[in-house]
């Protein structure tokens, strides 16, 4: 009998949405427990080396870091594969999975910005990364063709917050990169991502920006 799988997550974390997408795409039976990172349980502090979600328990063994967890799930549950069997393609995709984390970093940089100068810097970095992605995409409709894969999972979860603030604050992030814009639209509409996103996502997002005193809240927006 396979070990019990339990995901420890927070509602707002795109890294947790990434893991939940994989669990859903591969139809892996699992439990999910949501925690508040501002009030971490003692057991979580003990088991999470970096103090971050997601944490995935396989039996009583805690796994951490989202891409490592994705790779474990792909190897341990070969049904409904999300990686190519071609090792070169798989290696190529793994590189872009890491690239997606950089997009998340600059996106949150915009959300954390306390003034216009900080915001403009992070916005420029985000658009620069988007330009790189735009040049390398061969999608139809996914990263490498018709097959939805782990790289698409990573891109979808990382682009969800960016598309949200782009729409709400009219940032025009994607205007110069139509190729990437079309791809992003296809992955963020994926059913598994929509299931992973909490119903109160907008309220959580607004609360996050307010707690961080984000410069975004001084701009024209429709929250």
Protein backbone atom coordinates (compact mmCIF):
# COMPACT_ATOMS: atom_id res chain seq x y z
CA UNK A 1 0.00 0.00 0.00
CA UNK A 2 1.50 3.41 -0.96
CA UNK A 3 2.50 5.87 1.72
CA UNK A 4 -0.11 8.43 2.67
CA UNK A 5 0.41 11.80 0.95
CA UNK A 6 -0.36 14.99 2.86
CA UNK A 7 0.22 18.52 1.55
CA UNK A 8 0.88 21.32 4.02
CA UNK A 9 0.03 24.61 2.33
CA UNK A 10 -1.01 28.21 2.73
CA UNK A 11 -3.86 29.62 0.67
CA UNK A 12 -1.90 32.38 -1.04
CA UNK A 13 1.31 30.54 -1.94
CA UNK A 14 1.83 29.94 -5.69
CA UNK A 15 4.37 27.28 -4.75
CA UNK A 16 1.61 25.37 -2.96
CA UNK A 17 -0.74 25.86 -5.91
CA UNK A 18 2.00 24.28 -8.04
CA UNK A 19 2.06 21.12 -5.94
CA UNK A 20 -1.71 20.88 -5.78
CA UNK A 21 -1.85 21.15 -9.56
CA UNK A 22 0.48 18.16 -9.90
CA UNK A 23 -1.56 16.13 -7.41
CA UNK A 24 -4.73 16.92 -9.36
CA UNK A 25 -3.23 16.39 -12.82
CA UNK A 26 -1.90 12.98 -11.79
CA UNK A 27 -5.00 12.01 -9.77
CA UNK A 28 -2.94 11.30 -6.66
CA UNK A 29 -5.02 10.68 -3.53
CA UNK A 30 -3.93 13.12 -0.85
CA UNK A 31 -4.90 15.18 2.15
CA UNK A 32 -4.33 18.91 2.46
CA UNK A 33 -3.83 20.99 5.59
CA UNK A 34 -3.61 24.75 5.40
CA UNK A 35 -1.57 26.69 7.94
CA UNK A 36 -1.03 30.36 8.69
CA UNK A 37 2.63 31.26 8.20
CA UNK A 38 2.35 34.12 10.68
CA UNK A 39 1.53 31.56 13.36
CA UNK A 40 3.45 28.42 12.40
CA UNK A 41 2.66 25.25 14.37
CA UNK A 42 5.58 23.79 16.34
CA UNK A 43 5.54 20.57 14.32
CA UNK A 44 5.89 22.59 11.09
CA UNK A 45 8.86 24.57 12.43
CA UNK A 46 10.52 21.25 13.33
CA UNK A 47 9.89 19.55 9.98
CA UNK A 48 10.35 22.43 7.48
CA UNK A 49 14.10 23.20 7.15
CA UNK A 50 13.46 26.56 5.48
CA UNK A 51 10.31 27.39 7.42
CA UNK A 52 8.31 27.65 4.18
CA UNK A 53 5.42 25.94 2.47
CA UNK A 54 4.80 23.72 0.66
CA UNK A 55 5.70 20.74 2.77
CA UNK A 56 4.70 17.29 1.53
CA UNK A 57 4.52 14.39 3.94
CA UNK A 58 5.12 11.00 2.38
CA UNK A 59 4.16 8.80 5.29
CA UNK A 60 6.07 10.53 8.09
CA UNK A 61 8.86 11.89 5.86
CA UNK A 62 8.58 15.63 5.08
CA UNK A 63 9.70 16.80 1.63
CA UNK A 64 10.34 20.50 0.96
CA UNK A 65 10.99 22.90 -1.96
CA UNK A 66 8.31 22.87 -4.65
CA UNK A 67 10.31 21.72 -7.69
CA UNK A 68 11.87 18.88 -5.69
CA UNK A 69 8.38 17.84 -4.60
CA UNK A 70 7.13 17.99 -8.21
CA UNK A 71 9.97 15.73 -9.31
CA UNK A 72 9.25 13.27 -6.50
CA UNK A 73 5.56 13.05 -7.44
CA UNK A 74 6.45 12.53 -11.10
CA UNK A 75 8.86 9.69 -10.25
CA UNK A 76 6.73 8.04 -7.57
CA UNK A 77 3.48 8.17 -9.54
CA UNK A 78 4.34 7.42 -13.19
CA UNK A 79 0.70 7.32 -14.29
CA UNK A 80 -0.42 10.44 -16.17
CA UNK A 81 3.20 11.51 -16.82
CA UNK A 82 4.02 15.22 -16.83
CA UNK A 83 7.62 14.92 -18.02
CA UNK A 84 8.83 13.99 -21.48
CA UNK A 85 10.55 10.62 -21.88
CA UNK A 86 13.18 12.40 -24.00
CA UNK A 87 15.99 13.21 -21.55
CA UNK A 88 17.11 16.31 -23.45
CA UNK A 89 13.57 17.71 -23.50
CA UNK A 90 13.20 16.85 -19.82
CA UNK A 91 16.43 18.69 -19.02
CA UNK A 92 15.30 21.67 -21.12
CA UNK A 93 12.00 21.79 -19.25
CA UNK A 94 13.72 21.57 -15.88
CA UNK A 95 15.73 24.65 -16.73
CA UNK A 96 12.54 26.57 -17.56
CA UNK A 97 10.91 25.33 -14.36
CA UNK A 98 13.70 27.11 -12.47
CA UNK A 99 13.27 30.13 -14.75
CA UNK A 100 9.63 30.38 -13.66
CA UNK A 101 10.78 31.00 -10.08
CA UNK A 102 12.59 34.14 -11.28
CA UNK A 103 9.32 35.45 -12.68
CA UNK A 104 7.73 34.85 -9.31
CA UNK A 105 10.58 36.68 -7.57
CA UNK A 106 10.20 39.86 -9.63
CA UNK A 107 6.40 39.69 -9.44
CA UNK A 108 6.52 39.64 -5.66
CA UNK A 109 9.15 42.36 -5.88
CA UNK A 110 6.50 44.57 -7.49
CA UNK A 111 4.03 43.63 -4.78
CA UNK A 112 6.55 44.36 -1.99
CA UNK A 113 7.67 47.68 -3.50
CA UNK A 114 7.22 50.65 -1.17
CA UNK A 115 7.67 53.42 -3.72
CA UNK A 116 7.51 54.11 -7.46
CA UNK A 117 11.24 53.68 -8.00
CA UNK A 118 11.29 50.21 -6.45
CA UNK A 119 8.15 49.25 -8.35
CA UNK A 120 9.48 50.45 -11.71
CA UNK A 121 12.70 48.49 -11.20
CA UNK A 122 10.90 45.23 -10.48
CA UNK A 123 8.43 45.81 -13.30
CA UNK A 124 11.32 46.29 -15.75
CA UNK A 125 12.97 43.08 -14.49
CA UNK A 126 9.69 41.20 -14.93
CA UNK A 127 9.20 42.45 -18.49
CA UNK A 128 12.83 41.54 -19.29
CA UNK A 129 12.22 37.95 -18.15
CA UNK A 130 9.00 37.86 -20.14
CA UNK A 131 10.91 38.92 -23.26
CA UNK A 132 13.30 35.99 -22.81
CA UNK A 133 10.40 33.57 -22.47
CA UNK A 134 8.70 35.08 -25.51
CA UNK A 135 11.71 34.30 -27.71
CA UNK A 136 11.87 30.63 -26.74
CA UNK A 137 8.24 29.55 -26.71
CA UNK A 138 7.05 26.98 -29.25
CA UNK A 139 3.61 26.51 -27.74
CA UNK A 140 0.47 25.00 -29.27
CA UNK A 141 -1.06 25.65 -26.80
CA UNK A 142 1.49 24.59 -24.15
CA UNK A 143 5.20 25.17 -23.67
CA UNK A 144 6.33 22.48 -26.08
CA UNK A 145 3.18 21.57 -27.98
CA UNK A 146 -0.10 19.84 -27.24
CA UNK A 147 1.07 17.97 -24.12
CA UNK A 148 0.61 19.72 -20.78
CA UNK A 149 3.72 19.11 -18.69
CA UNK A 150 5.52 20.03 -15.47
CA UNK A 151 7.02 23.15 -17.00
CA UNK A 152 3.46 24.34 -17.73
CA UNK A 153 2.46 23.62 -14.13
CA UNK A 154 5.32 25.78 -12.89
CA UNK A 155 4.58 28.58 -15.35
CA UNK A 156 0.85 28.55 -14.58
CA UNK A 157 1.30 28.82 -10.82
CA UNK A 158 3.94 31.53 -11.15
CA UNK A 159 2.03 33.59 -13.69
CA UNK A 160 -1.27 33.59 -11.79
CA UNK A 161 -0.27 36.45 -9.41
CA UNK A 162 1.31 38.41 -12.26
CA UNK A 163 -1.77 38.21 -14.48
CA UNK A 164 -3.89 39.17 -11.48
CA UNK A 165 -2.04 42.40 -10.71
CA UNK A 166 -1.61 43.14 -14.41
CA UNK A 167 -5.39 43.06 -14.87
CA UNK A 168 -6.35 44.75 -11.61
CA UNK A 169 -3.87 47.60 -11.84
CA UNK A 170 -3.70 47.93 -15.66
CA UNK A 171 0.08 47.48 -15.70
CA UNK A 172 0.30 46.46 -19.40
CA UNK A 173 3.02 43.92 -18.55
CA UNK A 174 2.28 41.67 -21.53
CA UNK A 175 1.59 44.31 -24.18
CA UNK A 176 4.91 43.96 -26.02
CA UNK A 177 5.06 40.16 -25.82
CA UNK A 178 1.97 38.75 -27.48
CA UNK A 179 3.45 35.27 -27.92
CA UNK A 180 4.03 34.93 -24.18
CA UNK A 181 0.69 36.58 -23.43
CA UNK A 182 -1.21 33.96 -25.43
CA UNK A 183 0.72 31.13 -23.79
CA UNK A 184 0.16 32.52 -20.30
CA UNK A 185 -3.56 32.87 -20.95
CA UNK A 186 -3.72 29.17 -21.89
CA UNK A 187 -1.90 27.89 -18.79
CA UNK A 188 -3.56 30.11 -16.17
CA UNK A 189 -6.96 28.93 -17.40
CA UNK A 190 -6.03 25.29 -16.74
CA UNK A 191 -8.67 23.51 -14.66
CA UNK A 192 -6.22 22.14 -12.10
CA UNK A 193 -4.98 25.67 -11.31
CA UNK A 194 -8.53 26.94 -10.94
CA UNK A 195 -9.22 24.13 -8.47
CA UNK A 196 -6.03 24.90 -6.53
CA UNK A 197 -6.83 28.62 -6.21
CA UNK A 198 -9.02 29.33 -3.14
CA UNK A 199 -12.49 30.79 -3.65
CA UNK A 200 -11.54 33.86 -1.60
CA UNK A 201 -8.36 34.55 -3.63
CA UNK A 202 -9.25 38.21 -4.24
CA UNK A 203 -9.80 38.90 -0.54
CA UNK A 204 -6.57 37.13 0.38
CA UNK A 205 -4.67 39.08 -2.29
CA UNK A 206 -6.02 42.43 -1.09
CA UNK A 207 -5.22 41.59 2.52
CA UNK A 208 -1.66 40.63 1.53
CA UNK A 209 -1.08 43.93 -0.27
CA UNK A 210 -2.48 45.86 2.68
CA UNK A 211 -0.27 44.03 5.20
CA UNK A 212 2.80 44.73 3.07
CA UNK A 213 1.77 48.38 2.54
CA UNK A 214 2.32 47.76 -1.16
CA UNK A 215 2.90 50.72 -3.45
CA UNK A 216 0.39 49.07 -5.79
CA UNK A 217 -2.39 50.29 -3.52
CA UNK A 218 -1.54 53.90 -4.36
CA UNK A 219 -2.18 53.21 -8.03
CA UNK A 220 -5.44 53.04 -9.95
CA UNK A 221 -6.94 49.63 -9.30
CA UNK A 222 -10.18 47.69 -9.24
CA UNK A 223 -9.84 45.52 -6.14
